[in-house]
């Protein structure tokens, strides 16, 4: 949970009014961010998770594989990494599988 969402949930100390400006000042969060959380807009971190090609455990598997290849003296070329990431997604249910490998630039 990000700090803005926590600022909306946690109780305020005695003597501080329960208003958005008071919460923003007490938790050191911009007031616009508090209003955005109450209207349902996700944080940047939460939005970024939905846009990633690999799930976190798949990302770790690819990272561990590339590290192990480097330790063994057989580093993988950068141009093959999208194909490796694509092959890791083959265990997913067919509805969740990506149709193409990720594009790198």
PDB file of N, CA and C in Angstrom:
ATOM      1  N   UNK A   1       0.850  -1.171   0.000  1.00  0.00           N
ATOM      2  CA  UNK A   1       0.000   0.000   0.000  1.00  0.00           C
ATOM      3  C   UNK A   1       0.898   1.237   0.000  1.00  0.00           C
ATOM      4  N   UNK A   2       0.587   2.152  -0.897  1.00  0.00           N
ATOM      5  CA  UNK A   2       1.408   3.361  -0.976  1.00  0.00           C
ATOM      6  C   UNK A   2       1.037   4.327   0.144  1.00  0.00           C
ATOM      7  N   UNK A   3       1.833   5.361   0.306  1.00  0.00           N
ATOM      8  CA  UNK A   3       1.679   6.277   1.437  1.00  0.00           C
ATOM      9  C   UNK A   3       0.366   7.065   1.355  1.00  0.00           C
ATOM     10  N   UNK A   4      -0.093   7.374   0.143  1.00  0.00           N
ATOM     11  CA  UNK A   4      -1.347   8.130   0.020  1.00  0.00           C
ATOM     12  C   UNK A   4      -2.535   7.279   0.454  1.00  0.00           C
ATOM     13  N   UNK A   5      -2.537   6.018   0.086  1.00  0.00           N
ATOM     14  CA  UNK A   5      -3.624   5.129   0.511  1.00  0.00           C
ATOM     15  C   UNK A   5      -3.582   4.907   2.013  1.00  0.00           C
ATOM     16  N   UNK A   6      -2.368   4.798   2.551  1.00  0.00           N
ATOM     17  CA  UNK A   6      -2.227   4.642   3.995  1.00  0.00           C
ATOM     18  C   UNK A   6      -2.705   5.889   4.726  1.00  0.00           C
ATOM     19  N   UNK A   7      -2.466   7.061   4.140  1.00  0.00           N
ATOM     20  CA  UNK A   7      -2.890   8.316   4.763  1.00  0.00           C
ATOM     21  C   UNK A   7      -4.408   8.399   4.855  1.00  0.00           C
ATOM     22  N   UNK A   8      -5.102   7.761   3.945  1.00  0.00           N
ATOM     23  CA  UNK A   8      -6.561   7.773   3.984  1.00  0.00           C
ATOM     24  C   UNK A   8      -7.120   6.792   5.001  1.00  0.00           C
ATOM     25  N   UNK A   9      -6.374   5.735   5.304  1.00  0.00           N
ATOM     26  CA  UNK A   9      -6.883   4.669   6.164  1.00  0.00           C
ATOM     27  C   UNK A   9      -6.501   4.860   7.627  1.00  0.00           C
ATOM     28  N   UNK A  10      -5.283   5.299   7.879  1.00  0.00           N
ATOM     29  CA  UNK A  10      -4.800   5.394   9.262  1.00  0.00           C
ATOM     30  C   UNK A  10      -5.503   6.513  10.025  1.00  0.00           C
ATOM     31  N   UNK A  11      -5.748   6.284  11.304  1.00  0.00           N
ATOM     32  CA  UNK A  11      -6.385   7.342  12.107  1.00  0.00           C
ATOM     33  C   UNK A  11      -5.407   8.478  12.392  1.00  0.00           C
ATOM     34  N   UNK A  12      -5.967   9.659  12.549  1.00  0.00           N
ATOM     35  CA  UNK A  12      -5.160  10.837  12.880  1.00  0.00           C
ATOM     36  C   UNK A  12      -5.016  10.958  14.392  1.00  0.00           C
ATOM     37  N   UNK A  13      -3.918  11.547  14.856  1.00  0.00           N
ATOM     38  CA  UNK A  13      -3.772  11.782  16.298  1.00  0.00           C
ATOM     39  C   UNK A  13      -4.842  12.748  16.806  1.00  0.00           C
ATOM     40  N   UNK A  14      -5.056  12.735  18.106  1.00  0.00           N
ATOM     41  CA  UNK A  14      -6.035  13.640  18.719  1.00  0.00           C
ATOM     42  C   UNK A  14      -5.627  15.092  18.468  1.00  0.00           C
ATOM     43  N   UNK A  15      -6.611  15.911  18.209  1.00  0.00           N
ATOM     44  CA  UNK A  15      -6.363  17.333  18.016  1.00  0.00           C
ATOM     45  C   UNK A  15      -6.224  17.734  16.561  1.00  0.00           C
ATOM     46  N   UNK A  16      -6.095  16.775  15.660  1.00  0.00           N
ATOM     47  CA  UNK A  16      -5.992  17.086  14.234  1.00  0.00           C
ATOM     48  C   UNK A  16      -7.351  16.787  13.604  1.00  0.00           C
ATOM     49  N   UNK A  17      -7.948  17.756  12.912  1.00  0.00           N
ATOM     50  CA  UNK A  17      -9.266  17.521  12.313  1.00  0.00           C
ATOM     51  C   UNK A  17      -9.174  16.490  11.187  1.00  0.00           C
ATOM     52  N   UNK A  18     -10.244  15.745  11.011  1.00  0.00           N
ATOM     53  CA  UNK A  18     -10.264  14.702   9.995  1.00  0.00           C
ATOM     54  C   UNK A  18     -10.730  15.281   8.657  1.00  0.00           C
ATOM     55  N   UNK A  19      -9.837  16.043   8.015  1.00  0.00           N
ATOM     56  CA  UNK A  19     -10.111  16.628   6.709  1.00  0.00           C
ATOM     57  C   UNK A  19      -8.981  16.236   5.761  1.00  0.00           C
ATOM     58  N   UNK A  20      -9.253  16.362   4.484  1.00  0.00           N
ATOM     59  CA  UNK A  20      -8.218  16.026   3.504  1.00  0.00           C
ATOM     60  C   UNK A  20      -6.975  16.922   3.638  1.00  0.00           C
ATOM     61  N   UNK A  21      -7.134  18.237   3.782  1.00  0.00           N
ATOM     62  CA  UNK A  21      -5.931  19.066   3.942  1.00  0.00           C
ATOM     63  C   UNK A  21      -5.120  18.701   5.190  1.00  0.00           C
ATOM     64  N   UNK A  22      -5.812  18.362   6.281  1.00  0.00           N
ATOM     65  CA  UNK A  22      -5.091  17.988   7.506  1.00  0.00           C
ATOM     66  C   UNK A  22      -4.361  16.660   7.312  1.00  0.00           C
ATOM     67  N   UNK A  23      -5.007  15.705   6.649  1.00  0.00           N
ATOM     68  CA  UNK A  23      -4.356  14.410   6.372  1.00  0.00           C
ATOM     69  C   UNK A  23      -3.145  14.601   5.455  1.00  0.00           C
ATOM     70  N   UNK A  24      -3.302  15.447   4.442  1.00  0.00           N
ATOM     71  CA  UNK A  24      -2.200  15.701   3.517  1.00  0.00           C
ATOM     72  C   UNK A  24      -1.013  16.324   4.243  1.00  0.00           C
ATOM     73  N   UNK A  25      -1.281  17.255   5.122  1.00  0.00           N
ATOM     74  CA  UNK A  25      -0.202  17.909   5.867  1.00  0.00           C
ATOM     75  C   UNK A  25       0.447  16.951   6.867  1.00  0.00           C
ATOM     76  N   UNK A  26      -0.367  16.150   7.557  1.00  0.00           N
ATOM     77  CA  UNK A  26       0.164  15.249   8.582  1.00  0.00           C
ATOM     78  C   UNK A  26       1.019  14.132   7.969  1.00  0.00           C
ATOM     79  N   UNK A  27       0.575  13.565   6.852  1.00  0.00           N
ATOM     80  CA  UNK A  27       1.303  12.454   6.238  1.00  0.00           C
ATOM     81  C   UNK A  27       2.275  12.914   5.157  1.00  0.00           C
ATOM     82  N   UNK A  28       2.351  14.228   4.916  1.00  0.00           N
ATOM     83  CA  UNK A  28       3.266  14.804   3.930  1.00  0.00           C
ATOM     84  C   UNK A  28       2.993  14.227   2.531  1.00  0.00           C
ATOM     85  N   UNK A  29       1.734  14.286   2.129  1.00  0.00           N
ATOM     86  CA  UNK A  29       1.282  13.792   0.831  1.00  0.00           C
ATOM     87  C   UNK A  29       0.584  14.940   0.124  1.00  0.00           C
ATOM     88  N   UNK A  30       0.787  15.090  -1.191  1.00  0.00           N
ATOM     89  CA  UNK A  30       0.064  16.147  -1.900  1.00  0.00           C
ATOM     90  C   UNK A  30      -1.451  15.947  -1.811  1.00  0.00           C
ATOM     91  N   UNK A  31      -2.158  17.028  -1.673  1.00  0.00           N
ATOM     92  CA  UNK A  31      -3.605  16.984  -1.536  1.00  0.00           C
ATOM     93  C   UNK A  31      -4.263  16.377  -2.781  1.00  0.00           C
ATOM     94  N   UNK A  32      -3.748  16.692  -3.940  1.00  0.00           N
ATOM     95  CA  UNK A  32      -4.307  16.150  -5.184  1.00  0.00           C
ATOM     96  C   UNK A  32      -4.177  14.627  -5.227  1.00  0.00           C
ATOM     97  N   UNK A  33      -3.108  14.098  -4.650  1.00  0.00           N
ATOM     98  CA  UNK A  33      -2.924  12.654  -4.623  1.00  0.00           C
ATOM     99  C   UNK A  33      -3.982  11.983  -3.743  1.00  0.00           C
ATOM    100  N   UNK A  34      -4.304  12.604  -2.623  1.00  0.00           N
ATOM    101  CA  UNK A  34      -5.354  12.053  -1.757  1.00  0.00           C
ATOM    102  C   UNK A  34      -6.701  12.050  -2.471  1.00  0.00           C
ATOM    103  N   UNK A  35      -7.016  13.133  -3.156  1.00  0.00           N
ATOM    104  CA  UNK A  35      -8.269  13.182  -3.905  1.00  0.00           C
ATOM    105  C   UNK A  35      -8.282  12.124  -5.006  1.00  0.00           C
ATOM    106  N   UNK A  36      -7.146  11.903  -5.655  1.00  0.00           N
ATOM    107  CA  UNK A  36      -7.070  10.902  -6.723  1.00  0.00           C
ATOM    108  C   UNK A  36      -7.301   9.495  -6.176  1.00  0.00           C
ATOM    109  N   UNK A  37      -6.740   9.194  -5.002  1.00  0.00           N
ATOM    110  CA  UNK A  37      -6.937   7.863  -4.407  1.00  0.00           C
ATOM    111  C   UNK A  37      -8.393   7.627  -4.036  1.00  0.00           C
ATOM    112  N   UNK A  38      -9.069   8.672  -3.536  1.00  0.00           N
ATOM    113  CA  UNK A  38     -10.479   8.504  -3.160  1.00  0.00           C
ATOM    114  C   UNK A  38     -11.367   8.319  -4.383  1.00  0.00           C
ATOM    115  N   UNK A  39     -10.957   8.852  -5.528  1.00  0.00           N
ATOM    116  CA  UNK A  39     -11.749   8.679  -6.752  1.00  0.00           C
ATOM    117  C   UNK A  39     -11.429   7.371  -7.457  1.00  0.00           C
ATOM    118  N   UNK A  40     -10.453   6.615  -6.933  1.00  0.00           N
ATOM    119  CA  UNK A  40     -10.174   5.294  -7.483  1.00  0.00           C
ATOM    120  C   UNK A  40      -8.985   5.210  -8.411  1.00  0.00           C
ATOM    121  N   UNK A  41      -8.260   6.290  -8.611  1.00  0.00           N
ATOM    122  CA  UNK A  41      -7.086   6.226  -9.488  1.00  0.00           C
ATOM    123  C   UNK A  41      -5.969   5.467  -8.790  1.00  0.00           C
ATOM    124  N   UNK A  42      -5.367   4.461  -9.452  1.00  0.00           N
ATOM    125  CA  UNK A  42      -4.299   3.685  -8.810  1.00  0.00           C
ATOM    126  C   UNK A  42      -2.991   4.466  -8.770  1.00  0.00           C
ATOM    127  N   UNK A  43      -2.099   4.024  -7.912  1.00  0.00           N
ATOM    128  CA  UNK A  43      -0.777   4.651  -7.836  1.00  0.00           C
ATOM    129  C   UNK A  43       0.039   4.263  -9.062  1.00  0.00           C
ATOM    130  N   UNK A  44       1.132   4.944  -9.296  1.00  0.00           N
ATOM    131  CA  UNK A  44       1.992   4.625 -10.438  1.00  0.00           C
ATOM    132  C   UNK A  44       2.553   3.215 -10.336  1.00  0.00           C
ATOM    133  N   UNK A  45       2.899   2.808  -9.116  1.00  0.00           N
ATOM    134  CA  UNK A  45       3.456   1.469  -8.919  1.00  0.00           C
ATOM    135  C   UNK A  45       2.427   0.396  -9.237  1.00  0.00           C
ATOM    136  N   UNK A  46       1.190   0.600  -8.784  1.00  0.00           N
ATOM    137  CA  UNK A  46       0.130  -0.375  -9.048  1.00  0.00           C
ATOM    138  C   UNK A  46      -0.192  -0.449 -10.534  1.00  0.00           C
ATOM    139  N   UNK A  47      -0.152   0.682 -11.201  1.00  0.00           N
ATOM    140  CA  UNK A  47      -0.427   0.700 -12.629  1.00  0.00           C
ATOM    141  C   UNK A  47       0.703   0.027 -13.409  1.00  0.00           C
ATOM    142  N   UNK A  48       1.928   0.222 -12.972  1.00  0.00           N
ATOM    143  CA  UNK A  48       3.074  -0.362 -13.667  1.00  0.00           C
ATOM    144  C   UNK A  48       3.074  -1.883 -13.585  1.00  0.00           C
ATOM    145  N   UNK A  49       2.592  -2.438 -12.482  1.00  0.00           N
ATOM    146  CA  UNK A  49       2.550  -3.897 -12.329  1.00  0.00           C
ATOM    147  C   UNK A  49       1.658  -4.513 -13.399  1.00  0.00           C
ATOM    148  N   UNK A  50       0.551  -3.865 -13.723  1.00  0.00           N
ATOM    149  CA  UNK A  50      -0.370  -4.390 -14.730  1.00  0.00           C
ATOM    150  C   UNK A  50       0.195  -4.294 -16.141  1.00  0.00           C
ATOM    151  N   UNK A  51       1.179  -3.449 -16.364  1.00  0.00           N
ATOM    152  CA  UNK A  51       1.721  -3.251 -17.699  1.00  0.00           C
ATOM    153  C   UNK A  51       2.979  -4.070 -17.969  1.00  0.00           C
ATOM    154  N   UNK A  52       3.425  -4.852 -17.004  1.00  0.00           N
ATOM    155  CA  UNK A  52       4.642  -5.628 -17.201  1.00  0.00           C
ATOM    156  C   UNK A  52       4.369  -6.864 -18.048  1.00  0.00           C
ATOM    157  N   UNK A  53       5.348  -7.246 -18.845  1.00  0.00           N
ATOM    158  CA  UNK A  53       5.230  -8.416 -19.711  1.00  0.00           C
ATOM    159  C   UNK A  53       5.294  -9.695 -18.890  1.00  0.00           C
ATOM    160  N   UNK A  54       6.229  -9.763 -17.955  1.00  0.00           N
ATOM    161  CA  UNK A  54       6.413 -10.957 -17.131  1.00  0.00           C
ATOM    162  C   UNK A  54       5.854 -10.728 -15.736  1.00  0.00           C
ATOM    163  N   UNK A  55       5.356 -11.808 -15.137  1.00  0.00           N
ATOM    164  CA  UNK A  55       4.990 -11.766 -13.724  1.00  0.00           C
ATOM    165  C   UNK A  55       6.283 -11.710 -12.909  1.00  0.00           C
ATOM    166  N   UNK A  56       6.229 -11.244 -11.667  1.00  0.00           N
ATOM    167  CA  UNK A  56       7.461 -11.133 -10.872  1.00  0.00           C
ATOM    168  C   UNK A  56       8.234 -12.447 -10.744  1.00  0.00           C
ATOM    169  N   UNK A  57       7.555 -13.576 -10.570  1.00  0.00           N
ATOM    170  CA  UNK A  57       8.269 -14.849 -10.448  1.00  0.00           C
ATOM    171  C   UNK A  57       8.879 -15.277 -11.776  1.00  0.00           C
ATOM    172  N   UNK A  58       8.253 -14.914 -12.897  1.00  0.00           N
ATOM    173  CA  UNK A  58       8.843 -15.209 -14.207  1.00  0.00           C
ATOM    174  C   UNK A  58      10.064 -14.334 -14.442  1.00  0.00           C
ATOM    175  N   UNK A  59       9.979 -13.089 -14.032  1.00  0.00           N
ATOM    176  CA  UNK A  59      11.109 -12.173 -14.167  1.00  0.00           C
ATOM    177  C   UNK A  59      12.311 -12.682 -13.374  1.00  0.00           C
ATOM    178  N   UNK A  60      12.043 -13.190 -12.171  1.00  0.00           N
ATOM    179  CA  UNK A  60      13.122 -13.741 -11.352  1.00  0.00           C
ATOM    180  C   UNK A  60      13.727 -14.972 -12.012  1.00  0.00           C
ATOM    181  N   UNK A  61      12.904 -15.824 -12.621  1.00  0.00           N
ATOM    182  CA  UNK A  61      13.407 -17.023 -13.294  1.00  0.00           C
ATOM    183  C   UNK A  61      14.315 -16.646 -14.463  1.00  0.00           C
ATOM    184  N   UNK A  62      13.907 -15.655 -15.250  1.00  0.00           N
ATOM    185  CA  UNK A  62      14.742 -15.213 -16.371  1.00  0.00           C
ATOM    186  C   UNK A  62      16.041 -14.607 -15.852  1.00  0.00           C
ATOM    187  N   UNK A  63      15.943 -13.800 -14.807  1.00  0.00           N
ATOM    188  CA  UNK A  63      17.135 -13.188 -14.218  1.00  0.00           C
ATOM    189  C   UNK A  63      18.094 -14.250 -13.689  1.00  0.00           C
ATOM    190  N   UNK A  64      17.563 -15.240 -12.976  1.00  0.00           N
ATOM    191  CA  UNK A  64      18.411 -16.314 -12.446  1.00  0.00           C
ATOM    192  C   UNK A  64      19.068 -17.111 -13.581  1.00  0.00           C
ATOM    193  N   UNK A  65      18.312 -17.380 -14.652  1.00  0.00           N
ATOM    194  CA  UNK A  65      18.861 -18.112 -15.797  1.00  0.00           C
ATOM    195  C   UNK A  65      20.001 -17.338 -16.452  1.00  0.00           C
ATOM    196  N   UNK A  66      19.792 -16.028 -16.665  1.00  0.00           N
ATOM    197  CA  UNK A  66      20.825 -15.220 -17.304  1.00  0.00           C
ATOM    198  C   UNK A  66      22.061 -15.097 -16.416  1.00  0.00           C
ATOM    199  N   UNK A  67      21.849 -14.989 -15.110  1.00  0.00           N
ATOM    200  CA  UNK A  67      22.970 -14.931 -14.180  1.00  0.00           C
ATOM    201  C   UNK A  67      23.758 -16.236 -14.199  1.00  0.00           C
ATOM    202  N   UNK A  68      23.054 -17.349 -14.199  1.00  0.00           N
ATOM    203  CA  UNK A  68      23.717 -18.656 -14.217  1.00  0.00           C
ATOM    204  C   UNK A  68      24.497 -18.862 -15.511  1.00  0.00           C
ATOM    205  N   UNK A  69      23.936 -18.431 -16.631  1.00  0.00           N
ATOM    206  CA  UNK A  69      24.659 -18.535 -17.906  1.00  0.00           C
ATOM    207  C   UNK A  69      25.945 -17.713 -17.865  1.00  0.00           C
ATOM    208  N   UNK A  70      25.876 -16.531 -17.271  1.00  0.00           N
ATOM    209  CA  UNK A  70      27.063 -15.689 -17.158  1.00  0.00           C
ATOM    210  C   UNK A  70      28.114 -16.313 -16.253  1.00  0.00           C
ATOM    211  N   UNK A  71      27.680 -16.922 -15.151  1.00  0.00           N
ATOM    212  CA  UNK A  71      28.618 -17.580 -14.225  1.00  0.00           C
ATOM    213  C   UNK A  71      29.321 -18.747 -14.913  1.00  0.00           C
ATOM    214  N   UNK A  72      28.574 -19.459 -15.758  1.00  0.00           N
ATOM    215  CA  UNK A  72      29.154 -20.613 -16.455  1.00  0.00           C
ATOM    216  C   UNK A  72      30.010 -20.211 -17.649  1.00  0.00           C
ATOM    217  N   UNK A  73      30.119 -18.917 -17.908  1.00  0.00           N
ATOM    218  CA  UNK A  73      30.971 -18.450 -18.995  1.00  0.00           C
ATOM    219  C   UNK A  73      30.293 -18.469 -20.347  1.00  0.00           C
ATOM    220  N   UNK A  74      28.984 -18.583 -20.386  1.00  0.00           N
ATOM    221  CA  UNK A  74      28.229 -18.585 -21.634  1.00  0.00           C
ATOM    222  C   UNK A  74      27.163 -17.492 -21.595  1.00  0.00           C
ATOM    223  N   UNK A  75      27.559 -16.223 -21.588  1.00  0.00           N
ATOM    224  CA  UNK A  75      26.569 -15.156 -21.501  1.00  0.00           C
ATOM    225  C   UNK A  75      25.624 -15.173 -22.710  1.00  0.00           C
ATOM    226  N   UNK A  76      24.405 -14.763 -22.477  1.00  0.00           N
ATOM    227  CA  UNK A  76      23.375 -14.747 -23.513  1.00  0.00           C
ATOM    228  C   UNK A  76      23.395 -13.387 -24.199  1.00  0.00           C
ATOM    229  N   UNK A  77      23.294 -13.394 -25.501  1.00  0.00           N
ATOM    230  CA  UNK A  77      23.239 -12.131 -26.237  1.00  0.00           C
ATOM    231  C   UNK A  77      21.929 -11.412 -25.961  1.00  0.00           C
ATOM    232  N   UNK A  78      21.993 -10.108 -25.984  1.00  0.00           N
ATOM    233  CA  UNK A  78      20.822  -9.284 -25.675  1.00  0.00           C
ATOM    234  C   UNK A  78      19.683  -9.576 -26.653  1.00  0.00           C
ATOM    235  N   UNK A  79      19.994  -9.868 -27.888  1.00  0.00           N
ATOM    236  CA  UNK A  79      18.935 -10.086 -28.873  1.00  0.00           C
ATOM    237  C   UNK A  79      18.117 -11.345 -28.587  1.00  0.00           C
ATOM    238  N   UNK A  80      18.623 -12.258 -27.749  1.00  0.00           N
ATOM    239  CA  UNK A  80      17.887 -13.478 -27.420  1.00  0.00           C
ATOM    240  C   UNK A  80      17.019 -13.348 -26.170  1.00  0.00           C
ATOM    241  N   UNK A  81      17.166 -12.289 -25.421  1.00  0.00           N
ATOM    242  CA  UNK A  81      16.425 -12.138 -24.163  1.00  0.00           C
ATOM    243  C   UNK A  81      14.910 -12.059 -24.391  1.00  0.00           C
ATOM    244  N   UNK A  82      14.399 -11.336 -25.410  1.00  0.00           N
ATOM    245  CA  UNK A  82      12.948 -11.364 -25.626  1.00  0.00           C
ATOM    246  C   UNK A  82      12.413 -12.772 -25.914  1.00  0.00           C
ATOM    247  N   UNK A  83      13.162 -13.569 -26.643  1.00  0.00           N
ATOM    248  CA  UNK A  83      12.725 -14.939 -26.932  1.00  0.00           C
ATOM    249  C   UNK A  83      12.709 -15.783 -25.658  1.00  0.00           C
ATOM    250  N   UNK A  84      13.676 -15.564 -24.785  1.00  0.00           N
ATOM    251  CA  UNK A  84      13.708 -16.292 -23.510  1.00  0.00           C
ATOM    252  C   UNK A  84      12.504 -15.887 -22.662  1.00  0.00           C
ATOM    253  N   UNK A  85      12.223 -14.584 -22.601  1.00  0.00           N
ATOM    254  CA  UNK A  85      11.061 -14.107 -21.835  1.00  0.00           C
ATOM    255  C   UNK A  85       9.765 -14.671 -22.418  1.00  0.00           C
ATOM    256  N   UNK A  86       9.684 -14.741 -23.721  1.00  0.00           N
ATOM    257  CA  UNK A  86       8.493 -15.291 -24.373  1.00  0.00           C
ATOM    258  C   UNK A  86       8.331 -16.771 -24.042  1.00  0.00           C
ATOM    259  N   UNK A  87       9.427 -17.512 -24.008  1.00  0.00           N
ATOM    260  CA  UNK A  87       9.339 -18.943 -23.717  1.00  0.00           C
ATOM    261  C   UNK A  87       8.945 -19.198 -22.260  1.00  0.00           C
ATOM    262  N   UNK A  88       9.288 -18.288 -21.363  1.00  0.00           N
ATOM    263  CA  UNK A  88       8.916 -18.450 -19.958  1.00  0.00           C
ATOM    264  C   UNK A  88       7.395 -18.340 -19.792  1.00  0.00           C
ATOM    265  N   UNK A  89       6.732 -17.594 -20.655  1.00  0.00           N
ATOM    266  CA  UNK A  89       5.288 -17.394 -20.531  1.00  0.00           C
ATOM    267  C   UNK A  89       4.481 -18.574 -21.069  1.00  0.00           C
ATOM    268  N   UNK A  90       5.107 -19.595 -21.607  1.00  0.00           N
ATOM    269  CA  UNK A  90       4.397 -20.729 -22.207  1.00  0.00           C
ATOM    270  C   UNK A  90       3.649 -21.575 -21.180  1.00  0.00           C
ATOM    271  N   UNK A  91       3.998 -21.497 -19.910  1.00  0.00           N
ATOM    272  CA  UNK A  91       3.308 -22.290 -18.895  1.00  0.00           C
ATOM    273  C   UNK A  91       1.978 -21.671 -18.463  1.00  0.00           C
ATOM    274  N   UNK A  92       1.729 -20.425 -18.859  1.00  0.00           N
ATOM    275  CA  UNK A  92       0.501 -19.742 -18.465  1.00  0.00           C
ATOM    276  C   UNK A  92      -0.704 -20.379 -19.163  1.00  0.00           C
ATOM    277  N   UNK A  93      -1.895 -20.163 -18.598  1.00  0.00           N
ATOM    278  CA  UNK A  93      -3.095 -20.592 -19.322  1.00  0.00           C
ATOM    279  C   UNK A  93      -3.180 -19.870 -20.665  1.00  0.00           C
ATOM    280  N   UNK A  94      -3.788 -20.495 -21.625  1.00  0.00           N
ATOM    281  CA  UNK A  94      -3.776 -19.954 -22.984  1.00  0.00           C
ATOM    282  C   UNK A  94      -4.373 -18.548 -23.076  1.00  0.00           C
ATOM    283  N   UNK A  95      -5.339 -18.241 -22.239  1.00  0.00           N
ATOM    284  CA  UNK A  95      -5.954 -16.907 -22.271  1.00  0.00           C
ATOM    285  C   UNK A  95      -5.002 -15.827 -21.779  1.00  0.00           C
ATOM    286  N   UNK A  96      -4.038 -16.173 -20.929  1.00  0.00           N
ATOM    287  CA  UNK A  96      -3.110 -15.191 -20.375  1.00  0.00           C
ATOM    288  C   UNK A  96      -1.791 -15.107 -21.134  1.00  0.00           C
ATOM    289  N   UNK A  97      -1.584 -15.987 -22.083  1.00  0.00           N
ATOM    290  CA  UNK A  97      -0.307 -15.993 -22.820  1.00  0.00           C
ATOM    291  C   UNK A  97      -0.224 -14.808 -23.779  1.00  0.00           C
ATOM    292  N   UNK A  98       0.929 -14.179 -23.831  1.00  0.00           N
ATOM    293  CA  UNK A  98       1.112 -13.122 -24.841  1.00  0.00           C
ATOM    294  C   UNK A  98       1.254 -13.758 -26.223  1.00  0.00           C
ATOM    295  N   UNK A  99       0.854 -13.027 -27.257  1.00  0.00           N
ATOM    296  CA  UNK A  99       0.928 -13.547 -28.599  1.00  0.00           C
ATOM    297  C   UNK A  99       2.299 -13.364 -29.233  1.00  0.00           C
ATOM    298  N   UNK A 100       3.030 -12.358 -28.782  1.00  0.00           N
ATOM    299  CA  UNK A 100       4.339 -12.052 -29.357  1.00  0.00           C
ATOM    300  C   UNK A 100       5.370 -11.846 -28.259  1.00  0.00           C
ATOM    301  N   UNK A 101       6.657 -12.006 -28.593  1.00  0.00           N
ATOM    302  CA  UNK A 101       7.691 -11.682 -27.612  1.00  0.00           C
ATOM    303  C   UNK A 101       7.713 -10.174 -27.343  1.00  0.00           C
ATOM    304  N   UNK A 102       8.268  -9.773 -26.215  1.00  0.00           N
ATOM    305  CA  UNK A 102       8.329  -8.329 -25.926  1.00  0.00           C
ATOM    306  C   UNK A 102       9.251  -7.636 -26.907  1.00  0.00           C
ATOM    307  N   UNK A 103       8.970  -6.391 -27.177  1.00  0.00           N
ATOM    308  CA  UNK A 103       9.821  -5.592 -28.051  1.00  0.00           C
ATOM    309  C   UNK A 103      10.840  -4.851 -27.200  1.00  0.00           C
ATOM    310  N   UNK A 104      12.057  -4.861 -27.609  1.00  0.00           N
ATOM    311  CA  UNK A 104      13.095  -4.114 -26.895  1.00  0.00           C
ATOM    312  C   UNK A 104      13.624  -3.054 -27.833  1.00  0.00           C
ATOM    313  N   UNK A 105      14.187  -2.013 -27.243  1.00  0.00           N
ATOM    314  CA  UNK A 105      14.734  -0.942 -28.080  1.00  0.00           C
ATOM    315  C   UNK A 105      16.137  -0.625 -27.698  1.00  0.00           C
TER     316      UNK A 105
END
